[in-house]
């Protein structure tokens, strides 16, 4: 999640001074997670 937020800011996806737990954030998180996960890992978002 720590990598997803700066990525969204750099891409201009944060229109306000807020980070919302929304589909755009979750999608970006899942891309980072998929790149580093091992077979037994699970995406524990909460």
N, C-alpha and C. Protein backbone atom coordinates (compact mmCIF):
# COMPACT_ATOMS: atom_id res chain seq x y z
N UNK A 1 0.84 -1.18 0.00
CA UNK A 1 0.00 0.00 0.00
C UNK A 1 0.88 1.25 0.00
N UNK A 2 2.03 1.15 0.67
CA UNK A 2 2.92 2.31 0.73
C UNK A 2 3.46 2.69 -0.64
N UNK A 3 3.56 1.76 -1.56
CA UNK A 3 4.00 2.08 -2.91
C UNK A 3 2.86 2.58 -3.79
N UNK A 4 1.66 2.14 -3.51
CA UNK A 4 0.52 2.52 -4.33
C UNK A 4 0.18 4.00 -4.20
N UNK A 5 0.25 4.53 -3.00
CA UNK A 5 -0.13 5.93 -2.77
C UNK A 5 0.79 6.91 -3.50
N UNK A 6 2.12 6.82 -3.37
CA UNK A 6 2.96 7.74 -4.13
C UNK A 6 2.80 7.57 -5.64
N UNK A 7 2.55 6.35 -6.07
CA UNK A 7 2.31 6.13 -7.50
C UNK A 7 1.09 6.85 -7.99
N UNK A 8 0.05 6.86 -7.19
CA UNK A 8 -1.17 7.59 -7.56
C UNK A 8 -0.90 9.09 -7.58
N UNK A 9 -0.14 9.59 -6.62
CA UNK A 9 0.17 11.02 -6.58
C UNK A 9 0.99 11.42 -7.80
N UNK A 10 1.97 10.61 -8.14
CA UNK A 10 2.82 10.90 -9.30
C UNK A 10 2.02 10.89 -10.59
N UNK A 11 1.04 10.00 -10.68
CA UNK A 11 0.21 9.90 -11.88
C UNK A 11 -0.87 10.97 -11.94
N UNK A 12 -1.01 11.75 -10.86
CA UNK A 12 -2.02 12.80 -10.82
C UNK A 12 -3.41 12.29 -10.47
N UNK A 13 -3.47 11.10 -9.87
CA UNK A 13 -4.76 10.50 -9.54
C UNK A 13 -5.31 10.95 -8.19
N UNK A 14 -4.57 11.76 -7.45
CA UNK A 14 -5.05 12.28 -6.17
C UNK A 14 -5.45 13.74 -6.38
N UNK A 15 -6.72 13.97 -6.60
CA UNK A 15 -7.20 15.31 -6.90
C UNK A 15 -7.28 16.21 -5.68
N UNK A 16 -7.39 15.62 -4.49
CA UNK A 16 -7.50 16.38 -3.26
C UNK A 16 -6.42 15.91 -2.30
N UNK A 17 -6.32 16.57 -1.20
CA UNK A 17 -5.36 16.18 -0.17
C UNK A 17 -5.96 15.06 0.69
N UNK A 18 -6.41 14.01 0.01
CA UNK A 18 -7.03 12.87 0.68
C UNK A 18 -6.62 11.59 -0.05
N UNK A 19 -6.55 10.53 0.71
CA UNK A 19 -6.31 9.22 0.13
C UNK A 19 -7.55 8.39 0.44
N UNK A 20 -8.28 8.05 -0.59
CA UNK A 20 -9.52 7.31 -0.40
C UNK A 20 -9.29 5.83 -0.69
N UNK A 21 -9.92 5.00 0.11
CA UNK A 21 -9.87 3.55 -0.07
C UNK A 21 -10.90 3.21 -1.14
N UNK A 22 -10.51 3.35 -2.40
CA UNK A 22 -11.44 3.17 -3.49
C UNK A 22 -10.87 2.20 -4.52
N UNK A 23 -11.63 1.88 -5.56
CA UNK A 23 -11.17 0.90 -6.55
C UNK A 23 -9.84 1.28 -7.22
N UNK A 24 -9.58 2.55 -7.45
CA UNK A 24 -8.32 2.96 -8.09
C UNK A 24 -7.12 2.62 -7.20
N UNK A 25 -7.23 2.87 -5.91
CA UNK A 25 -6.16 2.54 -4.97
C UNK A 25 -5.99 1.03 -4.88
N UNK A 26 -7.08 0.30 -4.78
CA UNK A 26 -7.00 -1.15 -4.68
C UNK A 26 -6.41 -1.78 -5.93
N UNK A 27 -6.75 -1.25 -7.09
CA UNK A 27 -6.20 -1.77 -8.34
C UNK A 27 -4.69 -1.57 -8.40
N UNK A 28 -4.24 -0.39 -8.01
CA UNK A 28 -2.80 -0.11 -8.02
C UNK A 28 -2.08 -0.99 -6.99
N UNK A 29 -2.68 -1.16 -5.82
CA UNK A 29 -2.11 -2.02 -4.79
C UNK A 29 -1.97 -3.46 -5.31
N UNK A 30 -3.02 -3.96 -5.95
CA UNK A 30 -2.98 -5.34 -6.43
C UNK A 30 -1.92 -5.54 -7.50
N UNK A 31 -1.63 -4.53 -8.29
CA UNK A 31 -0.56 -4.65 -9.29
C UNK A 31 0.80 -4.78 -8.61
N UNK A 32 1.04 -3.97 -7.59
CA UNK A 32 2.29 -4.08 -6.84
C UNK A 32 2.37 -5.43 -6.12
N UNK A 33 1.27 -5.83 -5.52
CA UNK A 33 1.24 -7.10 -4.79
C UNK A 33 1.53 -8.28 -5.72
N UNK A 34 0.92 -8.27 -6.88
CA UNK A 34 1.11 -9.36 -7.84
C UNK A 34 2.56 -9.46 -8.29
N UNK A 35 3.25 -8.34 -8.33
CA UNK A 35 4.65 -8.33 -8.79
C UNK A 35 5.60 -8.96 -7.78
N UNK A 36 5.24 -8.97 -6.51
CA UNK A 36 6.18 -9.44 -5.48
C UNK A 36 5.67 -10.64 -4.67
N UNK A 37 4.45 -11.06 -4.90
CA UNK A 37 3.87 -12.11 -4.06
C UNK A 37 4.51 -13.46 -4.32
N UNK A 38 4.46 -14.28 -3.31
CA UNK A 38 4.84 -15.67 -3.44
C UNK A 38 3.58 -16.50 -3.40
N UNK A 39 3.68 -17.76 -3.70
CA UNK A 39 2.50 -18.61 -3.86
C UNK A 39 1.61 -18.63 -2.62
N UNK A 40 2.18 -18.59 -1.45
CA UNK A 40 1.39 -18.69 -0.22
C UNK A 40 0.91 -17.33 0.30
N UNK A 41 1.25 -16.23 -0.36
CA UNK A 41 0.86 -14.89 0.10
C UNK A 41 -0.59 -14.59 -0.28
N UNK A 42 -1.24 -13.80 0.57
CA UNK A 42 -2.60 -13.36 0.32
C UNK A 42 -2.64 -11.84 0.47
N UNK A 43 -3.44 -11.19 -0.34
CA UNK A 43 -3.56 -9.73 -0.31
C UNK A 43 -4.43 -9.32 0.87
N UNK A 44 -3.84 -9.04 2.01
CA UNK A 44 -4.56 -8.59 3.20
C UNK A 44 -4.62 -7.07 3.19
N UNK A 45 -5.65 -6.55 2.63
CA UNK A 45 -5.76 -5.10 2.43
C UNK A 45 -6.15 -4.38 3.70
N UNK A 46 -6.97 -4.97 4.51
CA UNK A 46 -7.45 -4.31 5.73
C UNK A 46 -6.61 -4.65 6.92
